[in-house]
């Protein structure tokens, strides 16, 4: 835990090193002291079909959803979002400059009682 799901529109001007970006996200989370690297799972999902606001071609999005087991205080979740948003901003400078880009970080909770994991 956590699961990091990075979703983007496919029209971004930047094409970062996706694995490198996920490593930076992992590093940021580990640096908080709340997580072990071995417990982090991340993936990138690029959307070919999307609509941002009026659908103008210069509208784009990058959103990071960090899913945690329920129980963390809101202050901790806010700190995580604040630490991760600059990581996204650094990865997409051309898109931020030349497009109407929405960068977002969301910390969401997984239901602890029903979450199961099997590791081999």
C-alpha atoms as a PDB file:
ATOM      1  CA  UNK A   1       0.000   0.000   0.000  1.00  0.00           C
ATOM      2  CA  UNK A   2      -0.479   2.598  -1.440  1.00  0.00           C
ATOM      3  CA  UNK A   3      -1.670   2.192  -4.996  1.00  0.00           C
ATOM      4  CA  UNK A   4      -0.760   5.152  -7.232  1.00  0.00           C
ATOM      5  CA  UNK A   5      -2.806   5.555 -10.389  1.00  0.00           C
ATOM      6  CA  UNK A   6      -1.573   8.305 -12.705  1.00  0.00           C
ATOM      7  CA  UNK A   7      -4.150   9.136 -15.375  1.00  0.00           C
ATOM      8  CA  UNK A   8      -3.532  11.527 -18.257  1.00  0.00           C
ATOM      9  CA  UNK A   9      -5.181  12.782 -21.384  1.00  0.00           C
ATOM     10  CA  UNK A  10      -3.297  11.668 -24.502  1.00  0.00           C
ATOM     11  CA  UNK A  11      -2.826  15.204 -25.859  1.00  0.00           C
ATOM     12  CA  UNK A  12      -0.058  16.349 -23.497  1.00  0.00           C
ATOM     13  CA  UNK A  13       2.878  18.230 -25.004  1.00  0.00           C
ATOM     14  CA  UNK A  14       5.267  16.470 -22.616  1.00  0.00           C
ATOM     15  CA  UNK A  15       6.168  12.810 -22.844  1.00  0.00           C
ATOM     16  CA  UNK A  16       8.125  12.215 -19.672  1.00  0.00           C
ATOM     17  CA  UNK A  17      10.039   9.099 -18.782  1.00  0.00           C
ATOM     18  CA  UNK A  18       6.963   7.415 -17.319  1.00  0.00           C
ATOM     19  CA  UNK A  19       8.901   4.878 -15.267  1.00  0.00           C
ATOM     20  CA  UNK A  20      11.168   7.653 -14.009  1.00  0.00           C
ATOM     21  CA  UNK A  21       8.126   9.695 -12.991  1.00  0.00           C
ATOM     22  CA  UNK A  22       6.674   6.729 -11.103  1.00  0.00           C
ATOM     23  CA  UNK A  23      10.037   6.285  -9.359  1.00  0.00           C
ATOM     24  CA  UNK A  24       9.955   9.948  -8.329  1.00  0.00           C
ATOM     25  CA  UNK A  25       6.426   9.510  -6.958  1.00  0.00           C
ATOM     26  CA  UNK A  26       7.647   6.467  -5.018  1.00  0.00           C
ATOM     27  CA  UNK A  27      10.629   8.411  -3.698  1.00  0.00           C
ATOM     28  CA  UNK A  28       8.390  11.240  -2.539  1.00  0.00           C
ATOM     29  CA  UNK A  29       6.111   8.825  -0.702  1.00  0.00           C
ATOM     30  CA  UNK A  30       9.003   6.937   0.912  1.00  0.00           C
ATOM     31  CA  UNK A  31      10.565  10.252   2.010  1.00  0.00           C
ATOM     32  CA  UNK A  32       7.471  10.958   4.138  1.00  0.00           C
ATOM     33  CA  UNK A  33       8.437   8.027   6.362  1.00  0.00           C
ATOM     34  CA  UNK A  34       4.927   6.615   6.097  1.00  0.00           C
ATOM     35  CA  UNK A  35       5.553   3.938   3.480  1.00  0.00           C
ATOM     36  CA  UNK A  36       8.066   1.283   2.507  1.00  0.00           C
ATOM     37  CA  UNK A  37       9.131   1.120  -1.135  1.00  0.00           C
ATOM     38  CA  UNK A  38       8.286  -2.587  -1.309  1.00  0.00           C
ATOM     39  CA  UNK A  39       4.620  -1.775  -0.600  1.00  0.00           C
ATOM     40  CA  UNK A  40       4.134   0.781  -3.397  1.00  0.00           C
ATOM     41  CA  UNK A  41       2.326  -0.105  -6.631  1.00  0.00           C
ATOM     42  CA  UNK A  42       1.989   2.405  -9.454  1.00  0.00           C
ATOM     43  CA  UNK A  43       0.708   2.574 -12.992  1.00  0.00           C
ATOM     44  CA  UNK A  44      -0.005   5.060 -15.766  1.00  0.00           C
ATOM     45  CA  UNK A  45      -3.264   5.111 -17.698  1.00  0.00           C
ATOM     46  CA  UNK A  46      -3.420   7.345 -20.777  1.00  0.00           C
ATOM     47  CA  UNK A  47      -6.890   8.163 -22.053  1.00  0.00           C
ATOM     48  CA  UNK A  48      -7.585   8.425 -25.762  1.00  0.00           C
ATOM     49  CA  UNK A  49     -11.200   9.382 -25.174  1.00  0.00           C
ATOM     50  CA  UNK A  50     -11.759  12.260 -22.749  1.00  0.00           C
ATOM     51  CA  UNK A  51     -13.472  15.623 -22.457  1.00  0.00           C
ATOM     52  CA  UNK A  52     -12.157  18.508 -20.378  1.00  0.00           C
ATOM     53  CA  UNK A  53     -14.562  21.437 -20.007  1.00  0.00           C
ATOM     54  CA  UNK A  54     -15.611  22.560 -23.497  1.00  0.00           C
ATOM     55  CA  UNK A  55     -13.435  19.973 -25.232  1.00  0.00           C
ATOM     56  CA  UNK A  56     -11.031  22.497 -26.749  1.00  0.00           C
ATOM     57  CA  UNK A  57      -7.900  20.747 -28.056  1.00  0.00           C
ATOM     58  CA  UNK A  58      -5.628  22.690 -25.698  1.00  0.00           C
ATOM     59  CA  UNK A  59      -7.363  21.337 -22.583  1.00  0.00           C
ATOM     60  CA  UNK A  60      -5.562  18.462 -20.881  1.00  0.00           C
ATOM     61  CA  UNK A  61      -5.338  16.712 -17.552  1.00  0.00           C
ATOM     62  CA  UNK A  62      -2.960  14.799 -15.331  1.00  0.00           C
ATOM     63  CA  UNK A  63      -4.396  13.337 -12.143  1.00  0.00           C
ATOM     64  CA  UNK A  64      -2.728  11.186  -9.530  1.00  0.00           C
ATOM     65  CA  UNK A  65      -4.974   9.098  -7.318  1.00  0.00           C
ATOM     66  CA  UNK A  66      -3.158   7.667  -4.310  1.00  0.00           C
ATOM     67  CA  UNK A  67      -5.237   4.948  -2.698  1.00  0.00           C
ATOM     68  CA  UNK A  68      -4.525   4.191   0.971  1.00  0.00           C
ATOM     69  CA  UNK A  69      -6.123   1.903   3.476  1.00  0.00           C
ATOM     70  CA  UNK A  70      -8.687   3.864   5.487  1.00  0.00           C
ATOM     71  CA  UNK A  71      -7.680   5.504   8.726  1.00  0.00           C
ATOM     72  CA  UNK A  72      -5.090   8.207   7.946  1.00  0.00           C
ATOM     73  CA  UNK A  73      -5.864  11.661   9.348  1.00  0.00           C
ATOM     74  CA  UNK A  74      -6.910  14.373   6.894  1.00  0.00           C
ATOM     75  CA  UNK A  75      -3.763  16.342   7.742  1.00  0.00           C
ATOM     76  CA  UNK A  76      -1.574  13.453   6.551  1.00  0.00           C
ATOM     77  CA  UNK A  77      -3.557  13.119   3.340  1.00  0.00           C
ATOM     78  CA  UNK A  78      -3.201  16.858   2.714  1.00  0.00           C
ATOM     79  CA  UNK A  79       0.568  16.657   3.295  1.00  0.00           C
ATOM     80  CA  UNK A  80       0.833  13.824   0.781  1.00  0.00           C
ATOM     81  CA  UNK A  81      -1.077  15.816  -1.846  1.00  0.00           C
ATOM     82  CA  UNK A  82       1.070  18.878  -1.234  1.00  0.00           C
ATOM     83  CA  UNK A  83       4.268  16.836  -1.592  1.00  0.00           C
ATOM     84  CA  UNK A  84       3.146  15.117  -4.805  1.00  0.00           C
ATOM     85  CA  UNK A  85       1.664  18.027  -6.773  1.00  0.00           C
ATOM     86  CA  UNK A  86       5.092  19.638  -7.445  1.00  0.00           C
ATOM     87  CA  UNK A  87       6.341  16.283  -8.761  1.00  0.00           C
ATOM     88  CA  UNK A  88       3.603  16.364 -11.396  1.00  0.00           C
ATOM     89  CA  UNK A  89       4.205  20.032 -12.204  1.00  0.00           C
ATOM     90  CA  UNK A  90       7.903  19.344 -12.786  1.00  0.00           C
ATOM     91  CA  UNK A  91       7.095  16.456 -15.146  1.00  0.00           C
ATOM     92  CA  UNK A  92       4.771  18.446 -17.441  1.00  0.00           C
ATOM     93  CA  UNK A  93       6.269  21.943 -17.903  1.00  0.00           C
ATOM     94  CA  UNK A  94       5.525  22.306 -21.627  1.00  0.00           C
ATOM     95  CA  UNK A  95       1.912  21.252 -21.164  1.00  0.00           C
ATOM     96  CA  UNK A  96       1.497  23.641 -18.223  1.00  0.00           C
ATOM     97  CA  UNK A  97       2.931  26.489 -20.289  1.00  0.00           C
ATOM     98  CA  UNK A  98       1.249  25.816 -23.630  1.00  0.00           C
ATOM     99  CA  UNK A  99      -2.077  24.272 -22.672  1.00  0.00           C
ATOM    100  CA  UNK A 100      -4.917  24.673 -20.221  1.00  0.00           C
ATOM    101  CA  UNK A 101      -3.709  21.834 -18.028  1.00  0.00           C
ATOM    102  CA  UNK A 102      -5.462  20.523 -14.934  1.00  0.00           C
ATOM    103  CA  UNK A 103      -2.984  18.903 -12.534  1.00  0.00           C
ATOM    104  CA  UNK A 104      -4.600  17.161  -9.574  1.00  0.00           C
ATOM    105  CA  UNK A 105      -3.675  14.856  -6.734  1.00  0.00           C
ATOM    106  CA  UNK A 106      -6.318  12.967  -4.820  1.00  0.00           C
ATOM    107  CA  UNK A 107      -5.819  10.774  -1.780  1.00  0.00           C
ATOM    108  CA  UNK A 108      -8.598   8.224  -1.539  1.00  0.00           C
ATOM    109  CA  UNK A 109      -9.303   5.455   0.919  1.00  0.00           C
ATOM    110  CA  UNK A 110      -9.699   1.751   0.362  1.00  0.00           C
ATOM    111  CA  UNK A 111     -12.136  -0.040   2.610  1.00  0.00           C
ATOM    112  CA  UNK A 112      -9.894  -1.743   5.167  1.00  0.00           C
ATOM    113  CA  UNK A 113     -12.378  -4.499   6.092  1.00  0.00           C
ATOM    114  CA  UNK A 114     -12.755  -5.715   2.524  1.00  0.00           C
ATOM    115  CA  UNK A 115      -9.243  -5.130   1.116  1.00  0.00           C
ATOM    116  CA  UNK A 116      -7.259  -8.311   0.500  1.00  0.00           C
ATOM    117  CA  UNK A 117      -3.767  -8.861  -0.849  1.00  0.00           C
ATOM    118  CA  UNK A 118      -1.800 -11.951  -1.750  1.00  0.00           C
ATOM    119  CA  UNK A 119       1.920 -11.634  -2.338  1.00  0.00           C
ATOM    120  CA  UNK A 120       4.116 -14.423  -3.661  1.00  0.00           C
END
